[in-house]
Amino acid sequence: MEKTLDIVKTEADISKLMAETMKLHAETAKMNRERFWMPFVYATGLLAAGVGFAKIFLP
């Protein structure tokens, strides 16, 4: 039995939406990884600033 044009178009739309959903999931996973590491980045920067301040202004 041959598929009608509407069914083919609907299947193509579904495939497109599934691909977009997979892309959004990948971007979400990336953002969650970045969000996990940000406190460590801020702490390292603050520590480096403190050490720099100590070396400049303390004997």
N, C-alpha and C. Protein backbone atom coordinates (compact mmCIF):
# COMPACT_ATOMS: atom_id res chain seq x y z
N MET A 1 0.85 -1.17 0.00
CA MET A 1 0.00 0.00 0.00
C MET A 1 0.90 1.24 0.00
N GLU A 2 0.57 2.16 -0.85
CA GLU A 2 1.37 3.35 -1.01
C GLU A 2 0.96 4.42 0.01
N LYS A 3 1.97 5.09 0.58
CA LYS A 3 1.69 6.14 1.57
C LYS A 3 1.21 7.40 0.85
N THR A 4 0.31 8.05 1.46
CA THR A 4 -0.17 9.29 0.87
C THR A 4 0.81 10.41 1.20
N LEU A 5 0.68 11.49 0.50
CA LEU A 5 1.57 12.64 0.67
C LEU A 5 1.47 13.22 2.08
N ASP A 6 0.27 13.22 2.65
CA ASP A 6 0.09 13.76 4.01
C ASP A 6 0.85 12.93 5.04
N ILE A 7 0.83 11.62 4.88
CA ILE A 7 1.52 10.77 5.83
C ILE A 7 3.03 10.98 5.72
N VAL A 8 3.54 11.07 4.52
CA VAL A 8 4.98 11.30 4.32
C VAL A 8 5.38 12.64 4.92
N LYS A 9 4.58 13.68 4.69
CA LYS A 9 4.88 15.00 5.24
C LYS A 9 4.85 14.96 6.77
N THR A 10 3.88 14.27 7.34
CA THR A 10 3.78 14.18 8.79
C THR A 10 4.99 13.45 9.37
N GLU A 11 5.41 12.37 8.71
CA GLU A 11 6.59 11.64 9.19
C GLU A 11 7.84 12.50 9.10
N ALA A 12 7.95 13.31 8.07
CA ALA A 12 9.09 14.21 7.94
C ALA A 12 9.08 15.26 9.05
N ASP A 13 7.91 15.79 9.36
CA ASP A 13 7.79 16.77 10.44
C ASP A 13 8.16 16.15 11.79
N ILE A 14 7.73 14.92 12.00
CA ILE A 14 8.05 14.23 13.25
C ILE A 14 9.56 14.03 13.36
N SER A 15 10.19 13.61 12.26
CA SER A 15 11.64 13.42 12.27
C SER A 15 12.37 14.72 12.57
N LYS A 16 11.89 15.81 11.99
CA LYS A 16 12.51 17.11 12.23
C LYS A 16 12.38 17.52 13.70
N LEU A 17 11.20 17.31 14.26
CA LEU A 17 10.99 17.66 15.67
C LEU A 17 11.83 16.79 16.60
N MET A 18 11.99 15.53 16.26
CA MET A 18 12.83 14.65 17.08
C MET A 18 14.29 15.10 17.04
N ALA A 19 14.76 15.52 15.86
CA ALA A 19 16.14 16.01 15.75
C ALA A 19 16.33 17.29 16.56
N GLU A 20 15.37 18.19 16.51
CA GLU A 20 15.46 19.42 17.29
C GLU A 20 15.45 19.13 18.79
N THR A 21 14.65 18.15 19.19
CA THR A 21 14.60 17.76 20.60
C THR A 21 15.93 17.19 21.06
N MET A 22 16.55 16.36 20.24
CA MET A 22 17.85 15.81 20.59
C MET A 22 18.89 16.91 20.71
N LYS A 23 18.83 17.91 19.83
CA LYS A 23 19.76 19.03 19.90
C LYS A 23 19.57 19.81 21.20
N LEU A 24 18.32 20.04 21.59
CA LEU A 24 18.06 20.76 22.83
C LEU A 24 18.55 19.98 24.05
N HIS A 25 18.38 18.66 24.03
CA HIS A 25 18.88 17.84 25.13
C HIS A 25 20.41 17.94 25.23
N ALA A 26 21.09 17.93 24.09
CA ALA A 26 22.55 18.04 24.09
C ALA A 26 22.99 19.39 24.63
N GLU A 27 22.30 20.47 24.24
CA GLU A 27 22.65 21.80 24.75
C GLU A 27 22.39 21.90 26.25
N THR A 28 21.32 21.27 26.72
CA THR A 28 21.02 21.27 28.15
C THR A 28 22.10 20.55 28.93
N ALA A 29 22.54 19.41 28.41
CA ALA A 29 23.61 18.66 29.09
C ALA A 29 24.89 19.49 29.16
N LYS A 30 25.20 20.20 28.07
CA LYS A 30 26.39 21.05 28.06
C LYS A 30 26.28 22.16 29.10
N MET A 31 25.13 22.80 29.17
CA MET A 31 24.95 23.88 30.14
C MET A 31 25.02 23.36 31.57
N ASN A 32 24.50 22.17 31.82
CA ASN A 32 24.58 21.60 33.17
C ASN A 32 26.02 21.31 33.55
N ARG A 33 26.83 20.83 32.60
CA ARG A 33 28.25 20.60 32.90
C ARG A 33 28.94 21.92 33.22
N GLU A 34 28.66 22.95 32.42
CA GLU A 34 29.29 24.26 32.67
C GLU A 34 28.85 24.83 34.01
N ARG A 35 27.58 24.67 34.34
CA ARG A 35 27.06 25.19 35.61
C ARG A 35 27.72 24.49 36.79
N PHE A 36 28.05 23.21 36.64
CA PHE A 36 28.71 22.47 37.71
C PHE A 36 30.09 23.04 38.01
N TRP A 37 30.84 23.45 36.98
CA TRP A 37 32.21 23.90 37.18
C TRP A 37 32.35 25.38 37.54
N MET A 38 31.31 26.17 37.36
CA MET A 38 31.43 27.61 37.60
C MET A 38 31.84 27.98 39.03
N PRO A 39 31.31 27.36 40.08
CA PRO A 39 31.78 27.72 41.43
C PRO A 39 33.28 27.50 41.61
N PHE A 40 33.83 26.45 40.98
CA PHE A 40 35.26 26.20 41.08
C PHE A 40 36.05 27.29 40.35
N VAL A 41 35.54 27.75 39.23
CA VAL A 41 36.20 28.81 38.48
C VAL A 41 36.20 30.10 39.29
N TYR A 42 35.05 30.43 39.89
CA TYR A 42 34.97 31.65 40.70
C TYR A 42 35.88 31.55 41.92
N ALA A 43 35.91 30.40 42.57
CA ALA A 43 36.75 30.23 43.76
C ALA A 43 38.22 30.36 43.39
N THR A 44 38.62 29.79 42.27
CA THR A 44 40.02 29.88 41.84
C THR A 44 40.39 31.32 41.54
N GLY A 45 39.50 32.05 40.88
CA GLY A 45 39.78 33.46 40.58
C GLY A 45 39.88 34.29 41.85
N LEU A 46 38.99 34.04 42.79
CA LEU A 46 39.03 34.77 44.05
C LEU A 46 40.30 34.44 44.84
N LEU A 47 40.70 33.19 44.84
CA LEU A 47 41.93 32.79 45.52
C LEU A 47 43.14 33.45 44.86
N ALA A 48 43.19 33.46 43.54
CA ALA A 48 44.31 34.10 42.84
C ALA A 48 44.34 35.59 43.12
N ALA A 49 43.19 36.24 43.18
CA ALA A 49 43.15 37.66 43.50
C ALA A 49 43.64 37.91 44.92
N GLY A 50 43.26 37.05 45.84
CA GLY A 50 43.73 37.19 47.23
C GLY A 50 45.23 37.02 47.35
N VAL A 51 45.76 36.04 46.66
CA VAL A 51 47.21 35.82 46.69
C VAL A 51 47.93 37.01 46.06
N GLY A 52 47.41 37.50 44.95
CA GLY A 52 48.02 38.67 44.32
C GLY A 52 47.98 39.89 45.22
N PHE A 53 46.86 40.11 45.88
CA PHE A 53 46.74 41.23 46.82
C PHE A 53 47.74 41.08 47.96
N ALA A 54 47.86 39.87 48.49
CA ALA A 54 48.79 39.63 49.59
C ALA A 54 50.23 39.87 49.18
N LYS A 55 50.58 39.45 47.96
CA LYS A 55 51.96 39.64 47.53
C LYS A 55 52.29 41.12 47.28
N ILE A 56 51.29 41.88 46.85
CA ILE A 56 51.55 43.29 46.53
C ILE A 56 51.57 44.14 47.81
N PHE A 57 50.59 43.95 48.69
CA PHE A 57 50.41 44.87 49.80
C PHE A 57 50.93 44.38 51.15
N LEU A 58 51.22 43.12 51.30
CA LEU A 58 51.72 42.60 52.57
C LEU A 58 53.22 42.34 52.44
N PRO A 59 53.95 42.58 53.50
CA PRO A 59 55.41 42.40 53.43
C PRO A 59 55.84 40.98 53.33
